[in-house]
Amino acid sequence: MADLKLNAQKREAVGKNKVNKLRQQSIVPGVVYAKDEENINVQVIAKDFERVLSKAGTSTIISLEVEGEDIPVLIKSYQTHPFKSEFLHVDFQKIKANEAIRVNIPVVLTGRDEIRVQPSVLIQNIDNIDVECLPKYIPQTAEVNVVDMQIGDSYTVADLDVSKDENITLLIEEDEIVCSLQEPQDENLEAGEENLEAGQVPTVGETETEK
């Protein structure tokens, strides 16, 4: 089911002090969650986790090898240190082939660098959406092509490719605006107006002369 693999070990260390010691050794504590099953405390090597995360994100099934057992999982969520480049914790969700799963996938605006109407400004309102489907139908992205957008146009969730897939349930209203194309603001004009306004304000010298 999964091409990407990540080695893990069952974790005996629990509690703040013991878990902090793991992090000091560049080991990330984690938990494998499964419906109607007991959670499994695990730990993974930080650099290995970072490598797999960069390829899988949170919408690709990976194989978590725990002491000889391959467990298909999603990286459900992870926490990072607010200041250091360090992973604090990771949650894995065990996948069952016959059970629908909720995933968060990125919204991709294809052709954004080739929009025909120029000058223009593309505004993206939604970066990710939640969908639900069987594991075999999990999409990597939700896409819409924006090359032919005109000034004033907007695309909604209903325009995304995944909205047309009967195997996928969208967990967001279809009329939510994903992106819009707008005219660029005339920065030079605005700057000129600001300078004019500033020029109308008397300087200290002018004020003293009037006195």
N, C-alpha and C. Protein backbone atom coordinates (compact mmCIF):
# COMPACT_ATOMS: atom_id res chain seq x y z
N MET A 1 0.83 -1.21 0.00
CA MET A 1 0.00 0.00 0.00
C MET A 1 0.86 1.25 0.00
N ALA A 2 2.05 1.17 0.64
CA ALA A 2 2.88 2.37 0.78
C ALA A 2 4.28 2.12 0.25
N ASP A 3 4.80 3.11 -0.50
CA ASP A 3 6.16 3.00 -1.03
C ASP A 3 7.19 3.58 -0.07
N LEU A 4 6.79 4.56 0.73
CA LEU A 4 7.70 5.19 1.67
C LEU A 4 7.70 4.42 2.99
N LYS A 5 8.89 4.21 3.53
CA LYS A 5 9.00 3.48 4.80
C LYS A 5 9.72 4.31 5.84
N LEU A 6 9.33 4.12 7.08
CA LEU A 6 9.96 4.80 8.21
C LEU A 6 10.11 3.81 9.34
N ASN A 7 11.34 3.65 9.80
CA ASN A 7 11.59 2.73 10.92
C ASN A 7 11.25 3.41 12.24
N ALA A 8 10.65 2.64 13.13
CA ALA A 8 10.29 3.15 14.45
C ALA A 8 10.52 2.07 15.49
N GLN A 9 10.60 2.50 16.72
CA GLN A 9 10.71 1.57 17.85
C GLN A 9 9.59 1.86 18.84
N LYS A 10 9.16 0.83 19.55
CA LYS A 10 8.21 1.06 20.62
C LYS A 10 8.89 1.89 21.70
N ARG A 11 8.16 2.82 22.25
CA ARG A 11 8.73 3.78 23.20
C ARG A 11 8.32 3.44 24.62
N GLU A 12 9.34 3.24 25.44
CA GLU A 12 9.11 3.00 26.87
C GLU A 12 9.11 4.30 27.64
N ALA A 13 9.84 5.29 27.12
CA ALA A 13 9.98 6.57 27.82
C ALA A 13 8.67 7.35 27.77
N VAL A 14 8.14 7.66 28.93
CA VAL A 14 6.96 8.53 29.03
C VAL A 14 7.24 9.55 30.13
N GLY A 15 6.50 10.63 30.13
CA GLY A 15 6.77 11.69 31.09
C GLY A 15 7.69 12.73 30.50
N LYS A 16 7.56 13.95 30.97
CA LYS A 16 8.26 15.09 30.39
C LYS A 16 9.77 14.93 30.39
N ASN A 17 10.36 14.54 31.51
CA ASN A 17 11.81 14.45 31.60
C ASN A 17 12.39 13.40 30.67
N LYS A 18 11.76 12.22 30.65
CA LYS A 18 12.26 11.14 29.81
C LYS A 18 12.10 11.46 28.33
N VAL A 19 10.98 12.09 27.99
CA VAL A 19 10.74 12.44 26.60
C VAL A 19 11.72 13.53 26.14
N ASN A 20 12.03 14.48 27.02
CA ASN A 20 13.00 15.51 26.68
C ASN A 20 14.38 14.92 26.42
N LYS A 21 14.73 13.88 27.15
CA LYS A 21 16.02 13.22 26.93
C LYS A 21 16.08 12.59 25.54
N LEU A 22 14.95 12.05 25.08
CA LEU A 22 14.89 11.50 23.73
C LEU A 22 15.15 12.60 22.70
N ARG A 23 14.51 13.73 22.89
CA ARG A 23 14.67 14.83 21.94
C ARG A 23 16.11 15.32 21.90
N GLN A 24 16.78 15.30 23.04
CA GLN A 24 18.18 15.71 23.09
C GLN A 24 19.06 14.77 22.29
N GLN A 25 18.57 13.56 22.05
CA GLN A 25 19.30 12.58 21.25
C GLN A 25 18.81 12.56 19.79
N SER A 26 18.05 13.61 19.41
CA SER A 26 17.50 13.72 18.05
C SER A 26 16.55 12.57 17.74
N ILE A 27 15.77 12.21 18.74
CA ILE A 27 14.74 11.18 18.59
C ILE A 27 13.38 11.83 18.86
N VAL A 28 12.42 11.55 17.99
CA VAL A 28 11.10 12.18 18.08
C VAL A 28 10.11 11.19 18.70
N PRO A 29 9.50 11.55 19.82
CA PRO A 29 8.46 10.70 20.40
C PRO A 29 7.17 10.80 19.59
N GLY A 30 6.43 9.71 19.55
CA GLY A 30 5.18 9.73 18.79
C GLY A 30 4.19 8.69 19.28
N VAL A 31 3.03 8.71 18.68
CA VAL A 31 1.96 7.77 19.03
C VAL A 31 1.28 7.32 17.74
N VAL A 32 0.96 6.03 17.68
CA VAL A 32 0.17 5.49 16.57
C VAL A 32 -1.25 5.29 17.08
N TYR A 33 -2.19 6.01 16.45
CA TYR A 33 -3.60 5.90 16.82
C TYR A 33 -4.31 4.98 15.84
N ALA A 34 -5.25 4.21 16.36
CA ALA A 34 -6.06 3.34 15.50
C ALA A 34 -7.45 3.19 16.11
N LYS A 35 -8.45 3.21 15.27
CA LYS A 35 -9.83 3.08 15.73
C LYS A 35 -10.04 1.71 16.36
N ASP A 36 -10.61 1.71 17.55
CA ASP A 36 -10.93 0.47 18.28
C ASP A 36 -9.70 -0.37 18.60
N GLU A 37 -8.53 0.26 18.62
CA GLU A 37 -7.30 -0.45 18.99
C GLU A 37 -6.54 0.38 20.01
N GLU A 38 -5.69 -0.30 20.75
CA GLU A 38 -4.87 0.39 21.75
C GLU A 38 -3.79 1.21 21.06
N ASN A 39 -3.58 2.42 21.55
CA ASN A 39 -2.52 3.26 21.00
C ASN A 39 -1.15 2.65 21.23
N ILE A 40 -0.22 2.94 20.32
CA ILE A 40 1.15 2.44 20.45
C ILE A 40 2.09 3.63 20.59
N ASN A 41 2.83 3.69 21.67
CA ASN A 41 3.86 4.72 21.84
C ASN A 41 5.10 4.32 21.04
N VAL A 42 5.56 5.23 20.19
CA VAL A 42 6.72 4.93 19.35
C VAL A 42 7.72 6.08 19.39
N GLN A 43 8.88 5.83 18.82
CA GLN A 43 9.89 6.88 18.66
C GLN A 43 10.60 6.66 17.33
N VAL A 44 10.95 7.76 16.67
CA VAL A 44 11.62 7.69 15.37
C VAL A 44 12.82 8.63 15.37
N ILE A 45 13.79 8.33 14.55
CA ILE A 45 14.97 9.19 14.43
C ILE A 45 14.56 10.45 13.68
N ALA A 46 14.94 11.59 14.22
CA ALA A 46 14.48 12.88 13.69
C ALA A 46 14.80 13.07 12.21
N LYS A 47 16.03 12.77 11.81
CA LYS A 47 16.41 13.01 10.41
C LYS A 47 15.66 12.09 9.47
N ASP A 48 15.35 10.86 9.91
CA ASP A 48 14.57 9.94 9.08
C ASP A 48 13.14 10.43 8.94
N PHE A 49 12.58 10.93 10.04
CA PHE A 49 11.22 11.45 10.00
C PHE A 49 11.14 12.67 9.09
N GLU A 50 12.11 13.56 9.19
CA GLU A 50 12.12 14.76 8.36
C GLU A 50 12.18 14.40 6.88
N ARG A 51 12.97 13.40 6.54
CA ARG A 51 13.10 12.96 5.14
C ARG A 51 11.76 12.44 4.61
N VAL A 52 11.11 11.59 5.39
CA VAL A 52 9.83 11.01 4.96
C VAL A 52 8.74 12.09 4.91
N LEU A 53 8.75 12.98 5.89
CA LEU A 53 7.75 14.05 5.93
C LEU A 53 7.85 14.93 4.69
N SER A 54 9.07 15.23 4.26
CA SER A 54 9.26 16.10 3.10
C SER A 54 8.70 15.48 1.83
N LYS A 55 8.64 14.15 1.77
CA LYS A 55 8.12 13.46 0.59
C LYS A 55 6.64 13.14 0.72
N ALA A 56 6.21 12.78 1.91
CA ALA A 56 4.85 12.30 2.11
C ALA A 56 3.87 13.39 2.52
N GLY A 57 4.36 14.39 3.26
CA GLY A 57 3.44 15.37 3.82
C GLY A 57 2.47 14.68 4.76
N THR A 58 1.24 15.18 4.80
CA THR A 58 0.23 14.59 5.68
C THR A 58 -0.90 13.92 4.89
N SER A 59 -0.67 13.69 3.59
CA SER A 59 -1.72 13.08 2.78
C SER A 59 -1.25 11.85 2.00
N THR A 60 -0.07 11.35 2.33
CA THR A 60 0.46 10.15 1.66
C THR A 60 0.66 9.04 2.68
N ILE A 61 0.16 7.86 2.37
CA ILE A 61 0.31 6.71 3.27
C ILE A 61 1.76 6.24 3.26
N ILE A 62 2.30 6.03 4.43
CA ILE A 62 3.65 5.49 4.56
C ILE A 62 3.60 4.19 5.35
N SER A 63 4.67 3.41 5.25
CA SER A 63 4.75 2.17 6.00
C SER A 63 5.65 2.40 7.22
N LEU A 64 5.05 2.33 8.39
CA LEU A 64 5.80 2.50 9.63
C LEU A 64 6.21 1.12 10.14
N GLU A 65 7.50 0.84 10.13
CA GLU A 65 7.98 -0.48 10.55
C GLU A 65 8.31 -0.43 12.04
N VAL A 66 7.50 -1.13 12.82
CA VAL A 66 7.67 -1.14 14.27
C VAL A 66 8.02 -2.57 14.70
N GLU A 67 9.30 -2.76 14.97
CA GLU A 67 9.79 -4.05 15.45
C GLU A 67 9.32 -5.20 14.57
N GLY A 68 9.56 -5.04 13.27
CA GLY A 68 9.26 -6.11 12.32
C GLY A 68 7.85 -6.08 11.74
N GLU A 69 6.97 -5.25 12.27
CA GLU A 69 5.61 -5.16 11.76
C GLU A 69 5.45 -3.89 10.92
N ASP A 70 4.95 -4.06 9.70
CA ASP A 70 4.70 -2.91 8.83
C ASP A 70 3.28 -2.40 9.05
N ILE A 71 3.17 -1.16 9.50
CA ILE A 71 1.87 -0.57 9.79
C ILE A 71 1.62 0.57 8.81
N PRO A 72 0.58 0.48 7.96
CA PRO A 72 0.28 1.60 7.06
C PRO A 72 -0.31 2.76 7.85
N VAL A 73 0.30 3.93 7.73
CA VAL A 73 -0.13 5.09 8.52
C VAL A 73 -0.08 6.36 7.69
N LEU A 74 -0.78 7.35 8.18
CA LEU A 74 -0.62 8.73 7.72
C LEU A 74 0.06 9.52 8.82
N ILE A 75 0.89 10.49 8.45
CA ILE A 75 1.39 11.44 9.44
C ILE A 75 0.25 12.41 9.71
N LYS A 76 -0.47 12.17 10.78
CA LYS A 76 -1.69 12.94 11.04
C LYS A 76 -1.37 14.37 11.47
N SER A 77 -0.39 14.51 12.36
CA SER A 77 0.03 15.85 12.81
C SER A 77 1.40 15.74 13.46
N TYR A 78 2.06 16.87 13.57
CA TYR A 78 3.36 16.90 14.25
C TYR A 78 3.57 18.27 14.85
N GLN A 79 4.41 18.32 15.87
CA GLN A 79 4.71 19.57 16.55
C GLN A 79 6.19 19.88 16.42
N THR A 80 6.49 21.16 16.25
CA THR A 80 7.88 21.59 16.18
C THR A 80 8.15 22.62 17.26
N HIS A 81 9.42 22.77 17.60
CA HIS A 81 9.82 23.75 18.60
C HIS A 81 9.62 25.15 18.03
N PRO A 82 9.12 26.10 18.83
CA PRO A 82 8.86 27.44 18.30
C PRO A 82 10.10 28.21 17.86
N PHE A 83 11.27 27.84 18.41
CA PHE A 83 12.48 28.58 18.07
C PHE A 83 13.56 27.71 17.42
N LYS A 84 13.66 26.48 17.87
CA LYS A 84 14.70 25.59 17.36
C LYS A 84 14.18 24.78 16.19
N SER A 85 15.10 24.29 15.37
CA SER A 85 14.74 23.38 14.28
C SER A 85 14.65 21.97 14.86
N GLU A 86 13.54 21.69 15.52
CA GLU A 86 13.41 20.44 16.27
C GLU A 86 11.96 19.97 16.27
N PHE A 87 11.77 18.67 16.02
CA PHE A 87 10.45 18.06 16.12
C PHE A 87 10.20 17.64 17.56
N LEU A 88 9.03 18.00 18.06
CA LEU A 88 8.70 17.69 19.45
C LEU A 88 7.86 16.42 19.59
N HIS A 89 6.97 16.19 18.62
CA HIS A 89 6.07 15.05 18.74
C HIS A 89 5.41 14.78 17.38
N VAL A 90 5.02 13.54 17.15
CA VAL A 90 4.32 13.20 15.92
C VAL A 90 3.20 12.22 16.22
N ASP A 91 2.06 12.44 15.58
CA ASP A 91 0.92 11.52 15.67
C ASP A 91 0.76 10.80 14.34
N PHE A 92 0.74 9.48 14.40
CA PHE A 92 0.48 8.66 13.22
C PHE A 92 -0.92 8.08 13.32
N GLN A 93 -1.61 7.99 12.21
CA GLN A 93 -2.93 7.36 12.19
C GLN A 93 -2.87 6.09 11.37
N LYS A 94 -3.20 4.97 12.00
CA LYS A 94 -3.19 3.69 11.31
C LYS A 94 -4.32 3.65 10.29
N ILE A 95 -3.98 3.11 9.11
CA ILE A 95 -4.93 3.07 8.00
C ILE A 95 -5.46 1.65 7.81
N LYS A 96 -6.78 1.57 7.61
CA LYS A 96 -7.40 0.30 7.25
C LYS A 96 -8.03 0.46 5.87
N ALA A 97 -7.74 -0.47 4.99
CA ALA A 97 -8.12 -0.33 3.58
C ALA A 97 -9.62 -0.14 3.37
N ASN A 98 -10.44 -0.73 4.25
CA ASN A 98 -11.89 -0.68 4.04
C ASN A 98 -12.59 0.40 4.87
N GLU A 99 -11.79 1.30 5.49
CA GLU A 99 -12.38 2.36 6.31
C GLU A 99 -12.03 3.73 5.74
N ALA A 100 -13.07 4.56 5.57
CA ALA A 100 -12.85 5.92 5.07
C ALA A 100 -12.04 6.71 6.09
N ILE A 101 -11.24 7.62 5.58
CA ILE A 101 -10.37 8.41 6.46
C ILE A 101 -10.44 9.88 6.06
N ARG A 102 -10.29 10.73 7.03
CA ARG A 102 -10.29 12.18 6.79
C ARG A 102 -8.85 12.65 6.66
N VAL A 103 -8.57 13.39 5.59
CA VAL A 103 -7.21 13.90 5.36
C VAL A 103 -7.28 15.38 4.96
N ASN A 104 -6.20 16.06 5.23
CA ASN A 104 -6.06 17.46 4.86
C ASN A 104 -5.08 17.54 3.69
N ILE A 105 -5.52 18.10 2.57
CA ILE A 105 -4.68 18.14 1.38
C ILE A 105 -4.47 19.58 0.92
N PRO A 106 -3.32 19.86 0.29
CA PRO A 106 -3.04 21.22 -0.16
C PRO A 106 -3.82 21.59 -1.42
N VAL A 107 -4.19 22.86 -1.52
CA VAL A 107 -4.83 23.39 -2.73
C VAL A 107 -3.74 23.94 -3.63
N VAL A 108 -3.71 23.51 -4.88
CA VAL A 108 -2.69 23.95 -5.83
C VAL A 108 -3.36 24.68 -6.99
N LEU A 109 -2.91 25.89 -7.23
CA LEU A 109 -3.40 26.69 -8.36
C LEU A 109 -2.42 26.50 -9.52
N THR A 110 -2.77 25.62 -10.44
CA THR A 110 -1.86 25.33 -11.54
C THR A 110 -1.88 26.45 -12.57
N GLY A 111 -0.72 26.71 -13.16
CA GLY A 111 -0.62 27.75 -14.18
C GLY A 111 -0.61 29.15 -13.62
N ARG A 112 -0.34 29.30 -12.34
CA ARG A 112 -0.39 30.64 -11.74
C ARG A 112 0.69 31.56 -12.30
N ASP A 113 1.77 30.98 -12.82
CA ASP A 113 2.84 31.81 -13.40
C ASP A 113 2.62 32.09 -14.88
N GLU A 114 1.56 31.52 -15.46
CA GLU A 114 1.27 31.73 -16.89
C GLU A 114 -0.08 32.39 -17.12
N ILE A 115 -0.62 33.07 -16.11
CA ILE A 115 -1.92 33.73 -16.27
C ILE A 115 -1.85 34.70 -17.44
N ARG A 116 -2.81 34.60 -18.35
CA ARG A 116 -2.76 35.36 -19.60
C ARG A 116 -3.04 36.85 -19.40
N VAL A 117 -3.91 37.16 -18.45
CA VAL A 117 -4.25 38.57 -18.21
C VAL A 117 -3.17 39.20 -17.33
N GLN A 118 -2.45 40.14 -17.93
CA GLN A 118 -1.40 40.83 -17.19
C GLN A 118 -1.47 42.33 -17.47
N PRO A 119 -1.22 43.20 -16.50
CA PRO A 119 -0.86 42.86 -15.12
C PRO A 119 -2.09 42.42 -14.32
N SER A 120 -1.87 41.57 -13.34
CA SER A 120 -2.95 41.09 -12.50
C SER A 120 -2.36 40.56 -11.20
N VAL A 121 -3.23 40.41 -10.20
CA VAL A 121 -2.80 39.88 -8.91
C VAL A 121 -3.72 38.71 -8.55
N LEU A 122 -3.12 37.54 -8.35
CA LEU A 122 -3.89 36.35 -7.97
C LEU A 122 -3.92 36.25 -6.44
N ILE A 123 -5.10 36.21 -5.88
CA ILE A 123 -5.27 36.09 -4.43
C ILE A 123 -5.76 34.69 -4.11
N GLN A 124 -5.01 33.95 -3.29
CA GLN A 124 -5.43 32.61 -2.87
C GLN A 124 -5.99 32.69 -1.45
N ASN A 125 -7.26 32.30 -1.31
CA ASN A 125 -7.95 32.38 -0.02
C ASN A 125 -7.88 31.10 0.79
N ILE A 126 -7.77 29.96 0.13
CA ILE A 126 -7.76 28.66 0.81
C ILE A 126 -6.51 27.90 0.40
N ASP A 127 -5.71 27.51 1.37
CA ASP A 127 -4.47 26.79 1.10
C ASP A 127 -4.62 25.28 1.25
N ASN A 128 -5.56 24.83 2.09
CA ASN A 128 -5.77 23.40 2.33
C ASN A 128 -7.25 23.13 2.52
N ILE A 129 -7.68 21.91 2.20
CA ILE A 129 -9.05 21.51 2.47
C ILE A 129 -9.06 20.10 3.07
N ASP A 130 -10.10 19.80 3.83
CA ASP A 130 -10.30 18.46 4.39
C ASP A 130 -11.22 17.66 3.48
N VAL A 131 -10.83 16.41 3.23
CA VAL A 131 -11.67 15.50 2.45
C VAL A 131 -11.75 14.16 3.17
N GLU A 132 -12.72 13.36 2.78
CA GLU A 132 -12.87 12.03 3.37
C GLU A 132 -13.05 11.02 2.24
N CYS A 133 -12.34 9.90 2.35
CA CYS A 133 -12.42 8.87 1.33
C CYS A 133 -11.74 7.59 1.82
N LEU A 134 -11.87 6.53 1.05
CA LEU A 134 -11.11 5.32 1.35
C LEU A 134 -9.64 5.57 1.06
N PRO A 135 -8.74 4.88 1.76
CA PRO A 135 -7.31 5.13 1.58
C PRO A 135 -6.83 5.07 0.13
N LYS A 136 -7.40 4.17 -0.67
CA LYS A 136 -6.92 4.04 -2.05
C LYS A 136 -7.29 5.24 -2.92
N TYR A 137 -8.21 6.07 -2.45
CA TYR A 137 -8.63 7.23 -3.23
C TYR A 137 -8.05 8.54 -2.72
N ILE A 138 -7.17 8.50 -1.73
CA ILE A 138 -6.63 9.73 -1.16
C ILE A 138 -5.89 10.54 -2.23
N PRO A 139 -6.32 11.77 -2.50
CA PRO A 139 -5.62 12.62 -3.48
C PRO A 139 -4.42 13.31 -2.84
N GLN A 140 -3.43 13.60 -3.64
CA GLN A 140 -2.26 14.30 -3.13
C GLN A 140 -2.52 15.80 -3.03
N THR A 141 -3.35 16.31 -3.95
CA THR A 141 -3.64 17.74 -3.98
C THR A 141 -5.08 17.96 -4.45
N ALA A 142 -5.54 19.18 -4.28
CA ALA A 142 -6.80 19.63 -4.88
C ALA A 142 -6.42 20.77 -5.82
N GLU A 143 -6.69 20.62 -7.12
CA GLU A 143 -6.16 21.55 -8.10
C GLU A 143 -7.24 22.26 -8.91
N VAL A 144 -6.88 23.45 -9.38
CA VAL A 144 -7.68 24.17 -10.36
C VAL A 144 -6.72 24.99 -11.22
N ASN A 145 -6.97 25.00 -12.53
CA ASN A 145 -6.12 25.74 -13.45
C ASN A 145 -6.59 27.20 -13.54
N VAL A 146 -5.67 28.12 -13.35
CA VAL A 146 -6.02 29.54 -13.29
C VAL A 146 -5.51 30.35 -14.49
N VAL A 147 -4.97 29.67 -15.48
CA VAL A 147 -4.36 30.37 -16.63
C VAL A 147 -5.33 31.32 -17.31
N ASP A 148 -6.59 30.91 -17.47
CA ASP A 148 -7.55 31.69 -18.25
C ASP A 148 -8.43 32.61 -17.40
N MET A 149 -8.08 32.82 -16.15
CA MET A 149 -8.88 33.71 -15.31
C MET A 149 -8.84 35.14 -15.84
N GLN A 150 -9.96 35.84 -15.69
CA GLN A 150 -10.06 37.24 -16.08
C GLN A 150 -10.18 38.11 -14.82
N ILE A 151 -9.88 39.38 -14.96
CA ILE A 151 -9.99 40.28 -13.82
C ILE A 151 -11.42 40.23 -13.27
N GLY A 152 -11.54 40.01 -11.98
CA GLY A 152 -12.85 39.91 -11.35
C GLY A 152 -13.35 38.49 -11.19
N ASP A 153 -12.69 37.53 -11.87
CA ASP A 153 -13.10 36.13 -11.74
C ASP A 153 -12.72 35.58 -10.36
N SER A 154 -13.50 34.62 -9.89
CA SER A 154 -13.15 33.90 -8.67
C SER A 154 -13.53 32.44 -8.86
N TYR A 155 -12.72 31.55 -8.30
CA TYR A 155 -13.00 30.11 -8.34
C TYR A 155 -13.36 29.66 -6.93
N THR A 156 -14.29 28.73 -6.86
CA THR A 156 -14.74 28.20 -5.57
C THR A 156 -14.29 26.75 -5.40
N VAL A 157 -14.60 26.18 -4.26
CA VAL A 157 -14.26 24.79 -3.99
C VAL A 157 -14.87 23.88 -5.05
N ALA A 158 -16.03 24.25 -5.57
CA ALA A 158 -16.70 23.44 -6.59
C ALA A 158 -15.88 23.34 -7.87
N ASP A 159 -14.95 24.27 -8.09
CA ASP A 159 -14.11 24.27 -9.29
C ASP A 159 -12.88 23.37 -9.14
N LEU A 160 -12.58 22.90 -7.93
CA LEU A 160 -11.42 22.03 -7.72
C LEU A 160 -11.66 20.66 -8.34
N ASP A 161 -10.60 20.04 -8.83
CA ASP A 161 -10.74 18.74 -9.49
C ASP A 161 -11.34 17.67 -8.57
N VAL A 162 -11.02 17.73 -7.28
CA VAL A 162 -11.51 16.68 -6.37
C VAL A 162 -13.02 16.76 -6.16
N SER A 163 -13.61 17.92 -6.45
CA SER A 163 -15.06 18.06 -6.24
C SER A 163 -15.84 17.22 -7.25
N LYS A 164 -15.17 16.83 -8.33
CA LYS A 164 -15.83 16.05 -9.38
C LYS A 164 -15.60 14.55 -9.21
N ASP A 165 -14.86 14.16 -8.17
CA ASP A 165 -14.55 12.75 -7.93
C ASP A 165 -15.58 12.17 -6.98
N GLU A 166 -16.39 11.23 -7.48
CA GLU A 166 -17.47 10.65 -6.67
C GLU A 166 -16.96 9.80 -5.52
N ASN A 167 -15.68 9.48 -5.53
CA ASN A 167 -15.11 8.66 -4.46
C ASN A 167 -14.63 9.51 -3.28
N ILE A 168 -14.71 10.84 -3.43
CA ILE A 168 -14.18 11.75 -2.42
C ILE A 168 -15.29 12.65 -1.91
N THR A 169 -15.38 12.76 -0.59
CA THR A 169 -16.35 13.66 0.04
C THR A 169 -15.62 14.90 0.54
N LEU A 170 -16.07 16.07 0.10
CA LEU A 170 -15.47 17.32 0.55
C LEU A 170 -16.06 17.72 1.90
N LEU A 171 -15.20 18.08 2.82
CA LEU A 171 -15.65 18.50 4.15
C LEU A 171 -15.56 20.01 4.29
N ILE A 172 -16.01 20.69 3.25
CA ILE A 172 -16.02 22.15 3.19
C ILE A 172 -17.12 22.56 2.23
N GLU A 173 -17.74 23.69 2.45
CA GLU A 173 -18.80 24.16 1.57
C GLU A 173 -18.25 24.44 0.17
N GLU A 174 -19.00 24.00 -0.85
CA GLU A 174 -18.50 24.13 -2.22
C GLU A 174 -18.51 25.56 -2.74
N ASP A 175 -19.24 26.46 -2.07
CA ASP A 175 -19.26 27.85 -2.54
C ASP A 175 -18.19 28.72 -1.89
N GLU A 176 -17.33 28.09 -1.07
CA GLU A 176 -16.22 28.84 -0.48
C GLU A 176 -15.25 29.27 -1.58
N ILE A 177 -14.82 30.53 -1.55
CA ILE A 177 -13.93 31.05 -2.59
C ILE A 177 -12.50 30.58 -2.36
N VAL A 178 -11.94 29.96 -3.38
CA VAL A 178 -10.57 29.45 -3.32
C VAL A 178 -9.57 30.53 -3.74
N CYS A 179 -9.88 31.24 -4.82
CA CYS A 179 -8.96 32.27 -5.32
C CYS A 179 -9.72 33.28 -6.17
N SER A 180 -9.11 34.42 -6.39
CA SER A 180 -9.70 35.45 -7.24
C SER A 180 -8.58 36.21 -7.93
N LEU A 181 -8.93 36.81 -9.08
CA LEU A 181 -7.96 37.59 -9.85
C LEU A 181 -8.37 39.06 -9.80
N GLN A 182 -7.42 39.90 -9.40
CA GLN A 182 -7.71 41.31 -9.21
C GLN A 182 -6.74 42.19 -9.97
N GLU A 183 -7.15 43.44 -10.19
CA GLU A 183 -6.25 44.41 -10.79
C GLU A 183 -5.18 44.81 -9.79
N PRO A 184 -3.96 45.04 -10.25
CA PRO A 184 -2.92 45.50 -9.32
C PRO A 184 -3.19 46.94 -8.90
N GLN A 185 -2.83 47.28 -7.70
CA GLN A 185 -2.97 48.65 -7.25
C GLN A 185 -1.86 49.49 -7.86
N ASP A 186 -2.21 50.74 -8.20
CA ASP A 186 -1.22 51.64 -8.79
C ASP A 186 -0.38 52.24 -7.66
N GLU A 187 0.73 51.57 -7.36
CA GLU A 187 1.56 52.01 -6.24
C GLU A 187 2.18 53.38 -6.50
N ASN A 188 2.51 53.63 -7.77
CA ASN A 188 3.12 54.93 -8.09
C ASN A 188 2.14 56.07 -7.83
N LEU A 189 0.85 55.84 -8.21
CA LEU A 189 -0.15 56.86 -7.99
C LEU A 189 -0.35 57.09 -6.50
N GLU A 190 -0.40 55.99 -5.75
CA GLU A 190 -0.59 56.11 -4.31
C GLU A 190 0.58 56.86 -3.68
N ALA A 191 1.80 56.54 -4.15
CA ALA A 191 2.98 57.21 -3.61
C ALA A 191 2.92 58.70 -3.91
N GLY A 192 2.46 59.05 -5.14
CA GLY A 192 2.37 60.46 -5.49
C GLY A 192 1.37 61.19 -4.63
N GLU A 193 0.23 60.53 -4.36
CA GLU A 193 -0.78 61.15 -3.51
C GLU A 193 -0.26 61.36 -2.10
N GLU A 194 0.50 60.38 -1.61
CA GLU A 194 1.06 60.50 -0.27
C GLU A 194 2.05 61.65 -0.20
N ASN A 195 2.87 61.78 -1.28
CA ASN A 195 3.85 62.87 -1.30
C ASN A 195 3.16 64.22 -1.36
N LEU A 196 2.04 64.28 -2.13
CA LEU A 196 1.30 65.53 -2.23
C LEU A 196 0.73 65.92 -0.88
N GLU A 197 0.17 64.96 -0.19
CA GLU A 197 -0.39 65.23 1.13
C GLU A 197 0.70 65.70 2.09
N ALA A 198 1.87 65.06 1.98
CA ALA A 198 2.97 65.44 2.86
C ALA A 198 3.44 66.85 2.53
N GLY A 199 3.41 67.21 1.22
CA GLY A 199 3.86 68.54 0.81
C GLY A 199 2.92 69.63 1.27
N GLN A 200 1.67 69.29 1.53
CA GLN A 200 0.71 70.28 1.97
C GLN A 200 0.82 70.60 3.45
N VAL A 201 1.58 69.80 4.18
CA VAL A 201 1.76 70.03 5.60
C VAL A 201 2.91 71.00 5.80
N PRO A 202 2.71 72.13 6.43
CA PRO A 202 3.80 73.11 6.59
C PRO A 202 4.93 72.57 7.44
N THR A 203 6.15 72.89 7.04
CA THR A 203 7.31 72.47 7.81
C THR A 203 7.48 73.38 9.00
N VAL A 204 8.43 73.03 9.86
CA VAL A 204 8.69 73.85 11.04
C VAL A 204 9.10 75.26 10.63
N GLY A 205 9.95 75.36 9.59
CA GLY A 205 10.42 76.65 9.12
C GLY A 205 9.29 77.52 8.60
N GLU A 206 8.39 76.89 7.82
CA GLU A 206 7.27 77.64 7.27
C GLU A 206 6.37 78.15 8.37
N THR A 207 6.17 77.36 9.39
CA THR A 207 5.31 77.72 10.50
C THR A 207 5.87 78.94 11.24
N GLU A 208 7.20 78.93 11.43
CA GLU A 208 7.82 80.03 12.13
C GLU A 208 7.74 81.33 11.32
N THR A 209 7.85 81.20 9.97
CA THR A 209 7.80 82.39 9.13
C THR A 209 6.42 83.05 9.19
N GLU A 210 5.39 82.19 9.20
CA GLU A 210 4.05 82.73 9.26
C GLU A 210 3.81 83.51 10.54
N LYS A 211 4.44 83.10 11.60
CA LYS A 211 4.31 83.82 12.86
C LYS A 211 4.90 85.21 12.71
